[in-house]
Amino acid sequence: MISYDPLYEYMEKNHITTYALFKAGFNSATYYNMKKGKSVSVNTINQLCEILDCEVSDVMKYVKTNSKHKKKVSKSKNKGT
């Protein structure tokens, strides 16, 4: 699952308000969708990184969950294949 908690932590740490984010051109509806845990496009992540002058890891992270996906990709033990 993708979490946007790093974004909120980054904004708080750097004293960036949602008002400042919206004023910089970030769509408020997109922000509130992210707060609800909805997915966003790579372009949206790119826009946030440009506005905030930060890295992707400052915006989102992967959180491992008990996935219901039955198939997983097996990791190859042979290097170079």
Protein backbone atom coordinates (compact mmCIF):
# COMPACT_ATOMS: atom_id res chain seq x y z
CA MET A 1 0.00 0.00 0.00
CA ILE A 2 1.24 3.49 -0.78
CA SER A 3 1.21 5.96 2.09
CA TYR A 4 1.43 9.73 1.69
CA ASP A 5 2.37 10.23 5.34
CA PRO A 6 5.87 11.41 4.36
CA LEU A 7 4.26 14.33 2.50
CA TYR A 8 2.35 15.51 5.56
CA GLU A 9 5.43 15.06 7.75
CA TYR A 10 7.57 16.98 5.24
CA MET A 11 5.05 19.81 5.07
CA GLU A 12 4.82 20.04 8.86
CA LYS A 13 8.60 19.88 9.33
CA ASN A 14 9.11 22.64 6.74
CA HIS A 15 6.15 24.76 7.91
CA ILE A 16 4.34 24.44 4.57
CA THR A 17 0.60 24.95 4.81
CA THR A 18 -1.99 23.46 2.51
CA TYR A 19 -2.88 27.05 1.60
CA ALA A 20 0.70 27.61 0.37
CA LEU A 21 0.55 24.34 -1.58
CA PHE A 22 -2.72 25.33 -3.26
CA LYS A 23 -1.40 28.84 -3.92
CA ALA A 24 1.59 27.26 -5.70
CA GLY A 25 -0.83 25.54 -8.09
CA PHE A 26 -1.49 22.17 -6.50
CA ASN A 27 -5.10 21.09 -6.87
CA SER A 28 -6.96 21.00 -3.55
CA ALA A 29 -9.24 18.13 -4.67
CA THR A 30 -6.16 16.03 -5.45
CA TYR A 31 -4.70 16.84 -2.04
CA TYR A 32 -7.86 15.78 -0.25
CA ASN A 33 -8.06 12.59 -2.34
CA MET A 34 -4.54 11.80 -1.19
CA LYS A 35 -5.61 12.40 2.42
CA LYS A 36 -8.29 9.74 1.85
CA GLY A 37 -5.65 7.31 0.57
CA LYS A 38 -6.72 7.41 -3.06
CA SER A 39 -4.14 6.82 -5.77
CA VAL A 40 -2.66 9.63 -7.83
CA SER A 41 -0.68 9.74 -11.04
CA VAL A 42 3.08 9.88 -11.37
CA ASN A 43 2.58 13.35 -12.83
CA THR A 44 0.94 14.43 -9.57
CA ILE A 45 3.91 13.12 -7.57
CA ASN A 46 6.22 14.92 -9.99
CA GLN A 47 4.27 18.16 -9.52
CA LEU A 48 4.53 17.88 -5.74
CA CYS A 49 8.28 17.26 -5.94
CA GLU A 50 8.71 20.31 -8.16
CA ILE A 51 6.56 22.57 -5.95
CA LEU A 52 8.16 21.39 -2.70
CA ASP A 53 11.68 20.94 -4.15
CA CYS A 54 11.88 17.48 -2.61
CA GLU A 55 12.42 13.82 -3.44
CA VAL A 56 9.73 11.19 -4.13
CA SER A 57 10.54 9.60 -0.78
CA ASP A 58 9.51 12.89 0.87
CA VAL A 59 6.04 12.48 -0.68
CA MET A 60 5.22 8.78 -0.43
CA LYS A 61 6.36 5.40 0.82
CA TYR A 62 5.42 1.77 0.37
CA VAL A 63 3.94 0.09 3.43
CA LYS A 64 3.88 -3.70 3.36
CA THR A 65 0.47 -5.17 4.16
CA ASN A 66 -1.03 -8.63 4.24
CA SER A 67 -1.83 -8.63 0.57
CA LYS A 68 -4.62 -10.74 -0.86
CA HIS A 69 -2.66 -11.14 -4.08
CA LYS A 70 -2.01 -14.83 -4.53
CA LYS A 71 0.77 -14.60 -7.09
CA LYS A 72 4.11 -13.06 -6.30
CA VAL A 73 7.17 -12.66 -8.42
CA SER A 74 9.84 -15.06 -7.27
CA LYS A 75 13.29 -13.61 -6.82
CA SER A 76 15.99 -15.14 -8.96
CA LYS A 77 18.97 -16.53 -7.08
CA ASN A 78 21.12 -16.51 -10.23
CA LYS A 79 22.76 -13.18 -10.84
CA GLY A 80 22.84 -11.90 -14.37
CA THR A 81 19.78 -13.82 -15.58
